[in-house]
Amino acid sequence: MRRLVMMGLGLLAVGAVGCATSGQIEREAQIHDMKADNAAHIRDYLTAQNEKSEAERMHRKAVKKAFNEGVTDTVIVPVVPSDVPHEPPPIDVP
């Protein structure tokens, strides 16, 4: 029984230490984004593409983590532009 409890506490400690906060994940996403910009600046487009996709993946992960943590000020969610920004002009039918 004692061994089982110690194993459970060990797993709990490993799980608590290994978790990153949404702010830490967002900072890692920003680092990948900067690496993508630097790679594009030197015309290494394959590396830029890989770093950009990793940055987007990390940002999505940070947004989900922030939602689960209940923290919304550490991760900024970009606003999706609307498809139709304004009403079309009225059509006069003769």
Protein backbone atom coordinates (compact mmCIF):
# COMPACT_ATOMS: atom_id res chain seq x y z
CA MET A 1 0.00 0.00 0.00
CA ARG A 2 2.80 2.37 0.93
CA ARG A 3 4.54 1.68 -2.36
CA LEU A 4 1.34 2.44 -4.30
CA VAL A 5 0.86 5.74 -2.48
CA MET A 6 4.48 6.75 -3.11
CA MET A 7 4.17 5.91 -6.82
CA GLY A 8 0.98 7.98 -7.01
CA LEU A 9 2.63 10.96 -5.33
CA GLY A 10 5.63 10.63 -7.63
CA LEU A 11 3.46 10.69 -10.73
CA LEU A 12 1.53 13.66 -9.39
CA ALA A 13 4.77 15.57 -8.75
CA VAL A 14 6.10 14.82 -12.23
CA GLY A 15 2.82 15.94 -13.78
CA ALA A 16 2.76 19.20 -11.83
CA VAL A 17 6.35 20.12 -12.64
CA GLY A 18 6.13 19.26 -16.34
CA CYS A 19 3.19 21.55 -17.15
CA ALA A 20 3.86 24.93 -18.76
CA THR A 21 1.52 27.87 -18.31
CA SER A 22 -0.21 29.55 -21.21
CA GLY A 23 2.13 32.53 -20.90
CA GLN A 24 5.20 30.32 -21.22
CA ILE A 25 3.75 28.57 -24.26
CA GLU A 26 2.89 31.94 -25.83
CA ARG A 27 6.48 33.16 -25.29
CA GLU A 28 7.76 30.02 -27.02
CA ALA A 29 5.38 30.73 -29.91
CA GLN A 30 6.76 34.27 -30.17
CA ILE A 31 10.31 32.90 -30.25
CA HIS A 32 9.37 30.57 -33.12
CA ASP A 33 7.78 33.53 -34.90
CA MET A 34 10.99 35.56 -34.53
CA LYS A 35 13.01 32.60 -35.83
CA ALA A 36 10.69 32.44 -38.85
CA ASP A 37 11.21 36.15 -39.54
CA ASN A 38 14.99 35.77 -39.28
CA ALA A 39 14.99 32.75 -41.60
CA ALA A 40 12.87 34.61 -44.16
CA HIS A 41 15.21 37.58 -43.93
CA ILE A 42 18.12 35.41 -45.04
CA ARG A 43 15.90 33.73 -47.67
CA ASP A 44 15.76 30.33 -45.99
CA TYR A 45 12.09 29.88 -46.78
CA LEU A 46 11.79 26.22 -45.82
CA THR A 47 13.02 26.93 -42.29
CA ALA A 48 10.80 30.01 -42.16
CA GLN A 49 7.77 27.95 -43.10
CA ASN A 50 8.55 25.28 -40.50
CA GLU A 51 9.12 27.85 -37.75
CA LYS A 52 5.94 29.73 -38.69
CA SER A 53 3.83 26.56 -38.57
CA GLU A 54 5.36 25.67 -35.20
CA ALA A 55 4.59 29.19 -33.94
CA GLU A 56 0.97 28.86 -35.05
CA ARG A 57 0.68 25.43 -33.39
CA MET A 58 2.14 26.76 -30.15
CA HIS A 59 -0.18 29.79 -30.23
CA ARG A 60 -3.24 27.56 -30.67
CA LYS A 61 -2.02 25.45 -27.76
CA ALA A 62 -1.52 28.59 -25.63
CA VAL A 63 -5.03 29.82 -26.40
CA LYS A 64 -6.56 26.49 -25.36
CA LYS A 65 -4.43 26.39 -22.22
CA ALA A 66 -5.38 29.99 -21.31
CA PHE A 67 -9.05 29.13 -21.73
CA ASN A 68 -8.67 26.09 -19.45
CA GLU A 69 -6.73 28.17 -16.89
CA GLY A 70 -9.32 30.94 -16.98
CA VAL A 71 -6.63 33.50 -17.84
CA THR A 72 -7.32 35.71 -20.82
CA ASP A 73 -4.80 38.54 -20.40
CA THR A 74 -1.65 36.52 -21.21
CA VAL A 75 -2.69 35.35 -24.67
CA ILE A 76 -4.11 37.71 -27.28
CA VAL A 77 -6.56 36.11 -29.67
CA PRO A 78 -6.60 37.89 -33.03
CA VAL A 79 -9.99 38.97 -34.29
CA VAL A 80 -11.13 37.25 -37.46
CA PRO A 81 -12.19 39.81 -40.08
CA SER A 82 -15.72 39.53 -41.33
CA ASP A 83 -16.38 38.31 -44.87
CA VAL A 84 -18.63 41.24 -45.67
CA PRO A 85 -17.35 44.39 -43.96
CA HIS A 86 -20.37 46.51 -44.88
CA GLU A 87 -23.85 46.25 -46.30
CA PRO A 88 -24.07 46.12 -50.10
CA PRO A 89 -25.66 49.15 -51.74
CA PRO A 90 -29.38 48.86 -52.43
CA ILE A 91 -30.34 47.85 -55.96
CA ASP A 92 -33.05 49.93 -57.60
CA VAL A 93 -35.21 47.82 -59.86
CA PRO A 94 -36.99 49.86 -62.59
